[in-house]
Each structure stands twice: as structure tokens, then as C-alpha cells.
Amino acid sequence: MANSPSGDSMTDRIVRVLETFTAERSMQSAAEIGRRAGLPSSTAHRIVDELVDAGLLERDEDRRVHLGMRLWELALRGSTALRLRQAALPHMEEVQARIREHTQLAVLEQDEALFLERLSHPDAGANITRIAGRLPLHASSSGLVLLAHAPSALRERVLAGPLRALAPETVTDAARLRRIIAEVRRAGVVVAPGSIEAVSTGVAVPLRDAGEVVAALSVVLPRETDPAAAIQALRGAAAGIEADLRAARR
């Protein structure tokens, strides 16, 4: 697509517009979108108008803008994330019924852990994860599993830093992280106490499709909870999901 005088393409500008929306900021004016996307006001208004015409954005009666249903529809067509979530959800529900805390499914996306699903009990402990939310790979149990099985170039890029601390116990030393992810690859599980919140422990296992790790399945437990039952439940669920994915390919 044609570049602007600043050198960014129309695709770049559209992505920047869409990225201004977050879970906490679902409604915006065109002027707010332009400011947050770093676009001139006239450009922002033109792009917003075109996206509204296409159904990717929608306007309310006050002319405030939100993400459109057509964007959701297009995102789900042929989505590998949807296929993975559909296969995983029944098994996640079994884990959740047994553990009764938080059960989560995450995939690797642009050097971060992107969470596709989360099930939570009303009385479960602390957890900052949300569906469609992201966490750094080095700072969560799911992220550590994904990092351990990521391509070597990505792994080296992440380990080169910066490694931001989300909590006092987040591992930010690259040498120590190398040892942790080597152990994850050997043991097939990670237990990460206090890496995001001091009161919680993340436990995660890899999920494979056609022999490749495509996701991480995890639970978040209160810090004092023995993780043994969670590990057993996660491994059983991962085996069930992998079997269902194999059956779906036949």
C-alpha cells in the first residue's frame, strides 16, 4: 500500500488505529484515536471513516468509535487460535473443576504470551491475566514454556533483554533464565512461584500439535498450594487436547 510522507504504509496506519483499542479503552473519539496512533487529525478521521464503512469499526449515537463485529467475524474465519481453543476448552473445564482456581491457554505471539482463554472460580486467588491479554515470556509460567520451545533466534532476542520485573521474584537474570528454560524442556513442566504476583504460583505444561509446541496450558494457584495435583491435571489435559487435535486432522 502507498506510503505516507512519513514513510509508513496505509497498513501500518490501520494497525496503529486498531491497536489504540484495549480492554480498558473500548470506546474512543476519532480525535483520541489519532492522538494515540500518532496520526494527523485529518488522516485519523479518514481512516476511521473508511473502517466504519467497512464494518471493522462501529460508531455509537455519540459518534464514539468501537471495534466492529465484522472484525471479530473475519478474525475467526479459519483461525488456528479458534481451532486450538475449541479443542482445549473441554479439557480446561475438567482441570478447572478439579483445581478450582484459574486455568489458562496461551500461545506465542510477537515475543509475548497471548492468552486465548481463561477459566476462573469465583473464590480463586489473584491473577492479572485476561483473555486477549499479553504477558512477557520471561515473567509467567505459560511464557516460560513458550520461550523454552521457541525458535532459537526468538529465545536469544528475549534473553538479550531488557527483562522487566513484574514482581520482586520475576527472574530477570539471563543466565538463570537459560537454566530455567533448559529444565522446562527436560521436565516438561514449569512451576513459577511469585513471578507475577507474590501470592501466586504459576504452573504450566506445553501443548503440542503435529509434534510442535503450539501453546502452553497453565493454572495459577495460591502460593501455599502444593502444585502436584495441578501438574497431574495439566498433563492429563494436554494429552487429551493433543489426541483431539490429531483426530481432527484425520
Foldseek 3Di string as FASTA:
>chain_A
DDADPVGHDPVLLLVLLQVVDDPVRFKAALQVSCVSSVHPSVVSVVSQVVCCVVQQWHADPVRIIGGGPVVVVVCPVVHPLVVLCVLQVVLQVVLCVVQQAKKWKWFDDPQWTATQDMDHHPPHDDDPDDHRDTDHLQQAQFSLLNLLQDPPVSVVVPLVDCDDQQFPQRDRHSVVSVVQSVVCVVVQKDWAACSNHNQKIKIWGFADEPRGGGIIIIGIHGRPDDCPVVVVSRVVSSVSSRVVNVVVVD
